[in-house]
């Protein structure tokens, strides 16, 4: 852990070579599965990250603003109940919302350490120096890593509050989510806390609109995955040969983002020595976003070894924050 007020330590547990190898294996598995599927990581190159920032500003995309409203209301109570002196943020990115919690924890007088964890070294290198300047008494220890695969890379220092915002937990398949929550519980000590943001079940029209905005920004964002495959793997996807679909799947309580082939296509992926056939109308899933109820997320946390210590939402009840205590 660095000395407060100095540039932070940066532990690298995921190199560019590691990330490249993981993406290649993921692409091979996903493009040969039935149905075809890609992990959301393919969406977040530099262009994709810019597009996602645009998505959060679209009038239909309520989750970003709703979570921020909930944090504004509840940050001080979260800080008080957690009693944390170490704030660990999983998937920190630009750390824009984390300032609300950093300020609240600072007001308690207990905050000593901030540990942002992200797969992108560039995101950490951009965000963390500003945090050091704004919080001169804070020791910052950045971790470049895949928190899903290696939670044990998170430094074990102080009494920790681990935070996963943005509804990210809803991007996991159910089995993956169970494994993640169990692994997190195993990593934490008794009495340490986990704060998780979850988008809540609501009417289909509102949900679909949030992921298929009128300006078409989300469509461009999802289609960008094909551009990434073309660049990284030398593939020859015809991006214009696919259309974007956002579908509510009520039996799974989730929105699925899909790319639909407009015609029969044969795609070459030289880096994988792979030929992929698409039939007209065939869909490839690029992302999921599960929606929760208060009881549903509480039950999953309980099964993993947590007790719910606090629950709150934005004033409109669109987005939930659950503070859970490791028992």
Protein backbone atom coordinates (compact mmCIF):
# COMPACT_ATOMS: atom_id res chain seq x y z
CA UNK A 1 0.00 0.00 0.00
CA UNK A 2 1.42 3.39 -0.96
CA UNK A 3 2.04 6.25 1.42
CA UNK A 4 -0.96 8.64 1.52
CA UNK A 5 -0.64 11.51 -0.93
CA UNK A 6 1.84 9.75 -3.21
CA UNK A 7 1.28 8.04 -6.53
CA UNK A 8 -0.30 4.63 -5.97
CA UNK A 9 1.04 1.13 -6.15
CA UNK A 10 -0.25 -0.81 -9.15
CA UNK A 11 -0.28 -4.60 -8.93
CA UNK A 12 -0.60 -6.23 -12.36
CA UNK A 13 -2.20 -9.68 -12.25
CA UNK A 14 -3.53 -9.51 -15.80
CA UNK A 15 -1.14 -8.54 -18.59
CA UNK A 16 -2.14 -7.61 -22.12
CA UNK A 17 -0.90 -11.03 -23.24
CA UNK A 18 -3.08 -12.72 -20.61
CA UNK A 19 -6.12 -10.73 -21.68
CA UNK A 20 -5.47 -11.46 -25.36
CA UNK A 21 -5.17 -15.21 -24.72
CA UNK A 22 -8.37 -15.21 -22.65
CA UNK A 23 -10.30 -13.35 -25.33
CA UNK A 24 -9.09 -15.72 -28.03
CA UNK A 25 -10.20 -18.75 -26.05
CA UNK A 26 -13.51 -17.08 -25.30
CA UNK A 27 -14.08 -16.26 -28.98
CA UNK A 28 -13.33 -19.83 -30.05
CA UNK A 29 -15.71 -21.27 -27.46
CA UNK A 30 -18.45 -18.72 -28.10
CA UNK A 31 -18.38 -18.80 -31.90
CA UNK A 32 -18.60 -22.60 -31.95
CA UNK A 33 -21.34 -22.93 -29.32
CA UNK A 34 -25.07 -23.23 -29.92
CA UNK A 35 -26.38 -20.60 -29.70
CA UNK A 36 -23.35 -18.46 -30.43
CA UNK A 37 -22.31 -16.13 -27.62
CA UNK A 38 -19.61 -13.58 -26.82
CA UNK A 39 -18.61 -12.31 -23.39
CA UNK A 40 -19.15 -8.57 -22.82
CA UNK A 41 -15.39 -7.99 -22.53
CA UNK A 42 -15.26 -7.82 -26.33
CA UNK A 43 -17.38 -4.67 -26.20
CA UNK A 44 -14.92 -2.55 -24.24
CA UNK A 45 -12.11 -1.47 -26.49
CA UNK A 46 -11.39 2.29 -26.56
CA UNK A 47 -14.28 2.98 -28.93
CA UNK A 48 -16.62 0.73 -26.97
CA UNK A 49 -15.80 2.49 -23.72
CA UNK A 50 -16.59 5.85 -25.34
CA UNK A 51 -19.89 4.49 -26.62
CA UNK A 52 -20.84 3.15 -23.20
CA UNK A 53 -20.31 6.60 -21.71
CA UNK A 54 -22.72 7.88 -24.37
CA UNK A 55 -25.25 5.18 -23.46
CA UNK A 56 -25.32 6.32 -19.83
CA UNK A 57 -26.38 9.79 -21.03
CA UNK A 58 -29.32 8.54 -23.13
CA UNK A 59 -32.75 9.48 -21.71
CA UNK A 60 -33.97 5.86 -21.84
CA UNK A 61 -31.01 4.50 -19.88
CA UNK A 62 -32.22 4.95 -16.31
CA UNK A 63 -29.84 2.55 -14.40
CA UNK A 64 -26.88 4.92 -14.25
CA UNK A 65 -28.83 7.87 -12.87
CA UNK A 66 -30.99 5.70 -10.60
CA UNK A 67 -28.00 4.06 -8.95
CA UNK A 68 -26.36 7.44 -8.45
CA UNK A 69 -29.54 8.74 -6.81
CA UNK A 70 -29.60 5.75 -4.46
CA UNK A 71 -25.94 6.26 -3.57
CA UNK A 72 -26.51 9.95 -2.92
CA UNK A 73 -29.30 9.07 -0.50
CA UNK A 74 -27.61 6.16 1.24
CA UNK A 75 -23.84 6.63 1.13
CA UNK A 76 -23.51 7.95 4.67
CA UNK A 77 -25.57 5.13 6.16
CA UNK A 78 -23.61 2.56 4.15
CA UNK A 79 -20.35 4.03 5.43
CA UNK A 80 -21.60 4.03 9.02
CA UNK A 81 -22.90 0.48 8.97
CA UNK A 82 -19.83 -0.97 7.26
CA UNK A 83 -17.35 0.61 9.66
CA UNK A 84 -14.80 0.15 6.90
CA UNK A 85 -11.35 1.67 6.72
CA UNK A 86 -10.61 0.04 3.34
CA UNK A 87 -12.79 0.60 0.27
CA UNK A 88 -12.35 -2.05 -2.46
CA UNK A 89 -14.07 -1.27 -5.76
CA UNK A 90 -14.45 -4.12 -8.24
CA UNK A 91 -14.54 -3.03 -11.88
CA UNK A 92 -13.74 0.52 -10.86
CA UNK A 93 -13.26 1.95 -14.37
CA UNK A 94 -13.26 5.73 -14.17
CA UNK A 95 -14.33 5.64 -10.47
CA UNK A 96 -17.01 8.29 -11.12
CA UNK A 97 -19.62 6.96 -8.66
CA UNK A 98 -17.07 5.83 -6.10
CA UNK A 99 -16.46 9.44 -5.04
CA UNK A 100 -19.87 9.43 -3.33
CA UNK A 101 -18.76 6.51 -1.15
CA UNK A 102 -15.24 7.85 -0.69
CA UNK A 103 -16.68 11.13 0.57
CA UNK A 104 -19.07 9.33 2.92
CA UNK A 105 -16.36 7.04 4.28
CA UNK A 106 -14.07 10.06 4.70
CA UNK A 107 -16.74 11.78 6.76
CA UNK A 108 -16.75 8.83 9.19
CA UNK A 109 -13.07 9.53 9.87
CA UNK A 110 -12.15 5.86 9.44
CA UNK A 111 -11.16 5.64 5.76
CA UNK A 112 -7.50 4.83 5.22
CA UNK A 113 -7.22 2.74 2.03
CA UNK A 114 -8.76 2.64 -1.44
CA UNK A 115 -8.26 -0.42 -3.67
CA UNK A 116 -9.63 0.00 -7.22
CA UNK A 117 -9.65 -3.24 -9.25
CA UNK A 118 -10.06 -3.23 -13.02
CA UNK A 119 -8.98 -5.25 -16.07
CA UNK A 120 -7.78 -2.03 -17.69
CA UNK A 121 -4.47 -0.62 -16.53
CA UNK A 122 -5.18 2.48 -18.63
CA UNK A 123 -8.44 3.14 -16.76
CA UNK A 124 -6.67 2.92 -13.41
CA UNK A 125 -3.75 5.05 -14.53
CA UNK A 126 -6.19 7.72 -15.69
CA UNK A 127 -8.52 7.73 -12.68
CA UNK A 128 -6.27 7.11 -9.70
CA UNK A 129 -3.96 10.16 -9.80
CA UNK A 130 -6.99 12.44 -9.48
CA UNK A 131 -8.16 10.46 -6.46
CA UNK A 132 -4.74 10.82 -4.87
CA UNK A 133 -4.95 14.58 -5.38
CA UNK A 134 -8.51 14.85 -4.04
CA UNK A 135 -7.94 12.56 -1.05
CA UNK A 136 -4.38 13.30 0.12
CA UNK A 137 -4.75 11.24 3.31
CA UNK A 138 -5.81 8.15 1.38
CA UNK A 139 -3.44 5.27 0.57
CA UNK A 140 -4.30 3.92 -2.89
CA UNK A 141 -3.39 0.45 -4.15
CA UNK A 142 -4.58 -0.30 -7.69
CA UNK A 143 -4.98 -3.85 -8.96
CA UNK A 144 -5.03 -4.74 -12.66
CA UNK A 145 -6.88 -8.04 -12.78
CA UNK A 146 -10.03 -9.99 -13.54
CA UNK A 147 -11.86 -9.87 -10.22
CA UNK A 148 -14.19 -12.66 -11.35
CA UNK A 149 -11.31 -15.09 -11.87
CA UNK A 150 -8.95 -14.04 -9.10
CA UNK A 151 -10.53 -12.38 -6.09
CA UNK A 152 -7.54 -13.38 -4.00
CA UNK A 153 -5.47 -10.79 -5.86
CA UNK A 154 -7.32 -8.13 -3.82
CA UNK A 155 -5.04 -6.95 -0.98
CA UNK A 156 -6.11 -8.05 2.49
CA UNK A 157 -5.72 -4.85 4.46
CA UNK A 158 -7.88 -3.25 7.15
CA UNK A 159 -11.61 -3.78 7.52
CA UNK A 160 -12.93 -3.93 3.99
CA UNK A 161 -16.06 -2.75 2.21
CA UNK A 162 -16.09 -4.42 -1.22
CA UNK A 163 -18.29 -2.70 -3.79
CA UNK A 164 -19.66 -3.87 -7.14
CA UNK A 165 -21.74 -1.15 -8.79
CA UNK A 166 -23.47 -0.61 -12.11
CA UNK A 167 -25.63 -3.72 -12.02
CA UNK A 168 -22.54 -5.65 -13.12
CA UNK A 169 -23.56 -8.69 -11.07
CA UNK A 170 -26.51 -9.00 -13.46
CA UNK A 171 -24.13 -9.63 -16.36
CA UNK A 172 -23.20 -13.03 -14.90
CA UNK A 173 -24.92 -16.26 -15.83
CA UNK A 174 -26.68 -17.67 -12.73
CA UNK A 175 -24.06 -20.37 -12.05
CA UNK A 176 -21.25 -17.87 -12.55
CA UNK A 177 -22.95 -15.45 -10.18
CA UNK A 178 -23.31 -18.12 -7.49
CA UNK A 179 -19.65 -19.04 -7.83
CA UNK A 180 -18.59 -15.39 -7.68
CA UNK A 181 -20.62 -14.62 -4.56
CA UNK A 182 -19.35 -17.78 -2.84
CA UNK A 183 -15.76 -16.94 -3.75
CA UNK A 184 -16.19 -13.38 -2.48
CA UNK A 185 -17.61 -14.64 0.81
CA UNK A 186 -14.66 -17.00 1.12
CA UNK A 187 -12.28 -14.10 0.55
CA UNK A 188 -13.82 -11.80 3.16
CA UNK A 189 -13.46 -12.06 6.92
CA UNK A 190 -16.45 -12.29 9.24
CA UNK A 191 -17.96 -8.84 9.71
CA UNK A 192 -16.60 -7.35 6.47
CA UNK A 193 -19.17 -5.95 4.05
CA UNK A 194 -20.17 -6.20 0.39
CA UNK A 195 -22.25 -3.54 -1.39
CA UNK A 196 -23.89 -4.63 -4.63
CA UNK A 197 -25.98 -2.63 -7.08
CA UNK A 198 -28.85 -4.44 -8.83
CA UNK A 199 -31.31 -3.20 -11.42
CA UNK A 200 -34.84 -4.16 -10.43
CA UNK A 201 -37.61 -5.93 -12.35
CA UNK A 202 -40.05 -3.52 -14.00
CA UNK A 203 -42.27 -3.31 -17.06
CA UNK A 204 -40.95 -4.74 -20.33
CA UNK A 205 -41.33 -1.50 -22.29
CA UNK A 206 -39.05 0.43 -19.91
CA UNK A 207 -36.49 -2.36 -19.79
CA UNK A 208 -36.24 -2.87 -23.54
CA UNK A 209 -36.05 0.88 -24.21
CA UNK A 210 -33.14 1.20 -21.78
CA UNK A 211 -31.13 -1.23 -23.92
CA UNK A 212 -32.38 -0.12 -27.34
CA UNK A 213 -32.30 3.67 -27.22
CA UNK A 214 -33.89 5.71 -29.98
CA UNK A 215 -30.56 7.27 -30.95
CA UNK A 216 -29.10 3.83 -31.69
CA UNK A 217 -26.08 4.26 -29.41
CA UNK A 218 -26.53 0.85 -27.77
CA UNK A 219 -26.87 -0.80 -31.18
CA UNK A 220 -23.58 0.77 -32.29
CA UNK A 221 -21.97 -0.32 -29.01
CA UNK A 222 -23.04 -3.96 -29.39
CA UNK A 223 -22.10 -4.12 -33.08
CA UNK A 224 -18.67 -2.76 -32.15
CA UNK A 225 -17.86 -6.25 -30.82
CA UNK A 226 -17.64 -7.42 -34.43
CA UNK A 227 -15.21 -4.63 -35.25
CA UNK A 228 -13.06 -5.76 -32.32
CA UNK A 229 -13.11 -9.37 -33.57
CA UNK A 230 -12.08 -8.15 -37.02
CA UNK A 231 -9.20 -6.12 -35.66
CA UNK A 232 -7.90 -8.49 -32.99
CA UNK A 233 -8.48 -11.82 -34.72
CA UNK A 234 -8.33 -10.79 -38.38
CA UNK A 235 -11.96 -11.84 -38.85
CA UNK A 236 -14.04 -10.62 -41.77
CA UNK A 237 -17.39 -9.95 -40.14
CA UNK A 238 -19.59 -7.69 -42.26
CA UNK A 239 -20.85 -5.40 -39.51
CA UNK A 240 -23.64 -4.12 -41.78
CA UNK A 241 -24.77 -7.72 -42.21
CA UNK A 242 -26.05 -7.81 -38.63
CA UNK A 243 -28.83 -5.97 -36.83
CA UNK A 244 -29.12 -5.39 -33.10
CA UNK A 245 -31.91 -6.87 -30.96
CA UNK A 246 -32.71 -6.26 -27.27
CA UNK A 247 -35.10 -8.91 -25.93
CA UNK A 248 -36.76 -9.33 -22.53
CA UNK A 249 -36.65 -12.99 -21.44
CA UNK A 250 -39.15 -13.19 -18.55
CA UNK A 251 -38.40 -16.78 -17.55
CA UNK A 252 -34.79 -15.77 -16.87
CA UNK A 253 -35.71 -12.27 -15.64
CA UNK A 254 -33.18 -10.67 -17.94
CA UNK A 255 -32.59 -8.55 -21.00
CA UNK A 256 -30.51 -10.25 -23.69
CA UNK A 257 -28.52 -8.21 -26.20
CA UNK A 258 -28.13 -10.04 -29.51
CA UNK A 259 -26.77 -9.54 -33.01
CA UNK A 260 -28.99 -11.02 -35.73
CA UNK A 261 -27.66 -12.07 -39.14
CA UNK A 262 -29.50 -10.31 -41.95
CA UNK A 263 -28.53 -13.04 -44.43
CA UNK A 264 -26.61 -16.31 -44.66
CA UNK A 265 -22.93 -15.60 -44.06
CA UNK A 266 -19.61 -17.40 -43.85
CA UNK A 267 -17.10 -15.66 -41.59
CA UNK A 268 -13.38 -16.41 -41.52
CA UNK A 269 -11.43 -15.98 -38.28
CA UNK A 270 -7.77 -16.51 -39.28
CA UNK A 271 -6.24 -16.09 -35.81
CA UNK A 272 -8.32 -19.04 -34.62
CA UNK A 273 -8.09 -21.02 -37.88
CA UNK A 274 -11.88 -21.01 -37.80
CA UNK A 275 -14.73 -20.72 -40.29
CA UNK A 276 -18.08 -19.72 -38.79
CA UNK A 277 -21.41 -20.10 -40.54
CA UNK A 278 -24.39 -17.84 -39.82
CA UNK A 279 -27.88 -18.59 -41.12
CA UNK A 280 -30.20 -15.73 -41.98
CA UNK A 281 -31.99 -14.72 -38.79
CA UNK A 282 -29.51 -16.51 -36.51
CA UNK A 283 -28.72 -14.58 -33.34
CA UNK A 284 -25.46 -14.31 -31.40
CA UNK A 285 -25.78 -13.12 -27.79
CA UNK A 286 -23.32 -10.43 -26.78
CA UNK A 287 -24.53 -9.48 -23.30
CA UNK A 288 -27.13 -10.19 -20.61
CA UNK A 289 -28.53 -7.97 -17.88
CA UNK A 290 -30.45 -9.80 -15.18
CA UNK A 291 -33.08 -7.88 -13.22
CA UNK A 292 -33.67 -8.64 -9.54
CA UNK A 293 -36.17 -8.34 -6.77
CA UNK A 294 -35.19 -7.41 -3.22
CA UNK A 295 -36.00 -10.96 -2.08
CA UNK A 296 -34.12 -12.53 -4.97
CA UNK A 297 -30.77 -10.84 -4.38
CA UNK A 298 -31.13 -11.32 -0.61
CA UNK A 299 -31.63 -15.04 -1.15
CA UNK A 300 -28.55 -15.34 -3.36
CA UNK A 301 -26.43 -13.45 -0.83
CA UNK A 302 -27.74 -15.61 2.00
CA UNK A 303 -26.83 -18.78 0.11
CA UNK A 304 -23.28 -17.45 -0.36
CA UNK A 305 -22.75 -16.67 3.34
CA UNK A 306 -23.93 -13.07 3.73
CA UNK A 307 -26.58 -11.41 5.90
CA UNK A 308 -28.34 -8.33 4.51
CA UNK A 309 -27.50 -5.33 6.69
CA UNK A 310 -29.21 -2.59 4.68
CA UNK A 311 -31.36 -2.15 1.56
CA UNK A 312 -32.25 1.03 -0.30
CA UNK A 313 -33.38 2.22 -3.71
CA UNK A 314 -33.61 5.44 -5.65
CA UNK A 315 -36.82 7.43 -4.95
CA UNK A 316 -38.60 5.83 -7.92
CA UNK A 317 -37.66 2.30 -6.84
CA UNK A 318 -35.89 1.45 -10.08
CA UNK A 319 -32.48 0.36 -8.79
CA UNK A 320 -31.45 -1.37 -5.57
CA UNK A 321 -28.40 -1.27 -3.35
CA UNK A 322 -27.84 -4.13 -0.91
CA UNK A 323 -25.26 -3.90 1.87
CA UNK A 324 -24.42 -7.42 3.02
CA UNK A 325 -22.32 -8.54 5.98
CA UNK A 326 -20.09 -11.61 5.83
CA UNK A 327 -21.23 -13.93 8.60
